[in-house]
Every structure is written in structure tokens, then in C-alpha cells.
Amino acid sequence: MDEKTSIEKTTADKLSFFTTPLTARGWPRWIVLGLAALGLLYVLNPTAGILEFLPDNLPLVGNLDDGAAFLLIWYGIVELVEGRKAAGTVTPPTPPVEPPQ
């Protein structure tokens, strides 16, 4: 039983690399969101490949820049969804106020 628990913890530790907001690791929020915007601009590159760091026709290596751009977008999404929770800035909802009788 302990072996399964340690395997689950190891898997959770590996996944936390992709699910922990970068602001929880000390990155400023504006840099994370800015890099995500640049990654999105790179992926949606409307100039038909004029801005391409590694040509896609190179085997295996050609897709590394696209993968890095998607990783930047992923971290931006994680920051938007989980960043406020990690920073502790999420305020709990206020309970409804009952009118006096």
C-alpha cells in the first residue's frame, strides 16, 4: 500500500511542474502573461512563417520552437486560472446580508 502512495506522490510531483503557477515560483505576473501573449502571437503567426526561429522542415528539431510557444501559452493559462489562488488574493464570497425585521 505504501508503494502505491509513493508512486502517486512521485507522479503528483512530476505534474506539479506543469500545474504550479510561475508566480508561486517567484516570477512577476506581468512577465508570465506577457510571455504567454508572445507565445500566442508566435503560434498564430499570420505572416506565413516569416517569423520562425527554427524551420519546421528540419526533422524533430523544427518543432521545438512551436512546443516552447505552446508551453508559454500553457503557463499563461495556468497563471490565469490558478495564479490568484496561489497568491492568496482570491477573496471568499461574502455571505448574503439578511434585511432587518
Protein backbone atom coordinates (compact mmCIF):
# COMPACT_ATOMS: atom_id res chain seq x y z
CA MET A 1 0.00 0.00 0.00
CA ASP A 2 2.86 2.38 0.77
CA GLU A 3 4.42 1.65 -2.61
CA LYS A 4 1.31 2.87 -4.42
CA THR A 5 1.20 6.01 -2.30
CA SER A 6 4.83 6.80 -3.09
CA ILE A 7 4.17 6.27 -6.81
CA GLU A 8 1.17 8.61 -6.65
CA LYS A 9 3.26 11.22 -4.84
CA THR A 10 6.01 10.93 -7.42
CA THR A 11 3.51 11.39 -10.24
CA ALA A 12 1.94 14.36 -8.49
CA ASP A 13 5.37 15.91 -8.02
CA LYS A 14 6.13 15.49 -11.71
CA LEU A 15 2.83 17.04 -12.74
CA SER A 16 3.22 19.96 -10.36
CA PHE A 17 5.92 21.30 -12.69
CA PHE A 18 3.18 21.99 -15.24
CA THR A 19 0.37 22.95 -12.86
CA THR A 20 2.09 25.31 -10.42
CA PRO A 21 1.75 28.97 -11.42
CA LEU A 22 5.05 30.66 -12.15
CA THR A 23 4.18 33.47 -9.74
CA ALA A 24 4.33 30.88 -6.95
CA ARG A 25 7.94 30.30 -8.04
CA GLY A 26 8.84 33.98 -7.89
CA TRP A 27 8.10 35.18 -11.43
CA PRO A 28 6.25 38.51 -11.76
CA ARG A 29 2.72 38.03 -13.08
CA TRP A 30 3.14 40.56 -15.90
CA ILE A 31 6.14 38.67 -17.30
CA VAL A 32 4.26 35.35 -17.30
CA LEU A 33 1.24 36.84 -19.07
CA GLY A 34 3.46 38.79 -21.48
CA LEU A 35 5.37 35.66 -22.46
CA ALA A 36 2.07 33.82 -22.92
CA ALA A 37 0.89 36.60 -25.24
CA LEU A 38 4.14 36.36 -27.23
CA GLY A 39 3.72 32.57 -27.44
CA LEU A 40 0.17 33.01 -28.73
CA LEU A 41 1.35 35.55 -31.29
CA TYR A 42 4.07 33.16 -32.43
CA VAL A 43 1.64 30.25 -32.80
CA LEU A 44 -0.95 32.34 -34.62
CA ASN A 45 1.81 33.80 -36.82
CA PRO A 46 -0.20 35.42 -39.62
CA THR A 47 2.90 36.15 -41.72
CA ALA A 48 3.09 32.62 -43.17
CA GLY A 49 6.30 31.67 -41.43
CA ILE A 50 8.37 34.84 -41.81
CA LEU A 51 8.91 34.82 -38.04
CA GLU A 52 10.17 31.29 -37.50
CA PHE A 53 13.07 30.59 -35.16
CA LEU A 54 13.62 27.00 -36.30
CA PRO A 55 12.34 25.96 -39.72
CA ASP A 56 9.70 23.25 -39.44
CA ASN A 57 11.24 21.20 -42.25
CA LEU A 58 14.17 20.21 -40.00
CA PRO A 59 13.43 16.73 -38.64
CA LEU A 60 12.46 16.71 -34.94
CA VAL A 61 14.23 19.97 -34.13
CA GLY A 62 11.92 22.06 -36.27
CA ASN A 63 9.02 21.70 -33.87
CA LEU A 64 10.88 22.64 -30.69
CA ASP A 65 10.12 26.35 -31.06
CA ASP A 66 6.42 25.59 -31.54
CA GLY A 67 6.49 23.37 -28.46
CA ALA A 68 8.13 26.15 -26.44
CA ALA A 69 5.48 28.59 -27.62
CA PHE A 70 2.71 26.22 -26.54
CA LEU A 71 4.42 25.79 -23.17
CA LEU A 72 4.42 29.57 -22.71
CA ILE A 73 0.72 29.65 -23.56
CA TRP A 74 0.08 26.81 -21.09
CA TYR A 75 1.83 28.66 -18.27
CA GLY A 76 -0.21 31.76 -19.09
CA ILE A 77 -3.44 29.77 -18.82
CA VAL A 78 -2.28 28.19 -15.53
CA GLU A 79 -1.45 31.68 -14.27
CA LEU A 80 -4.90 32.99 -15.14
CA VAL A 81 -6.70 30.02 -13.58
CA GLU A 82 -4.52 29.15 -10.59
CA GLY A 83 -2.36 32.23 -10.06
CA ARG A 84 -4.72 34.14 -7.83
CA LYS A 85 -5.32 31.08 -5.69
CA ALA A 86 -1.58 30.59 -5.18
CA ALA A 87 -1.04 34.26 -4.41
CA GLY A 88 -3.85 34.22 -1.86
CA THR A 89 -5.65 37.13 -3.48
CA VAL A 90 -8.89 35.28 -4.03
CA THR A 91 -11.44 36.71 -1.69
CA PRO A 92 -14.10 34.36 -0.41
CA PRO A 93 -17.64 35.22 -1.41
CA THR A 94 -19.44 37.35 1.12
CA PRO A 95 -22.48 35.79 2.74
CA PRO A 96 -25.81 37.33 1.82
CA VAL A 97 -26.99 40.02 4.18
CA GLU A 98 -30.41 39.46 5.65
CA PRO A 99 -32.58 42.55 5.90
CA PRO A 100 -33.53 43.61 9.46
CA GLN A 101 -37.01 42.68 10.56
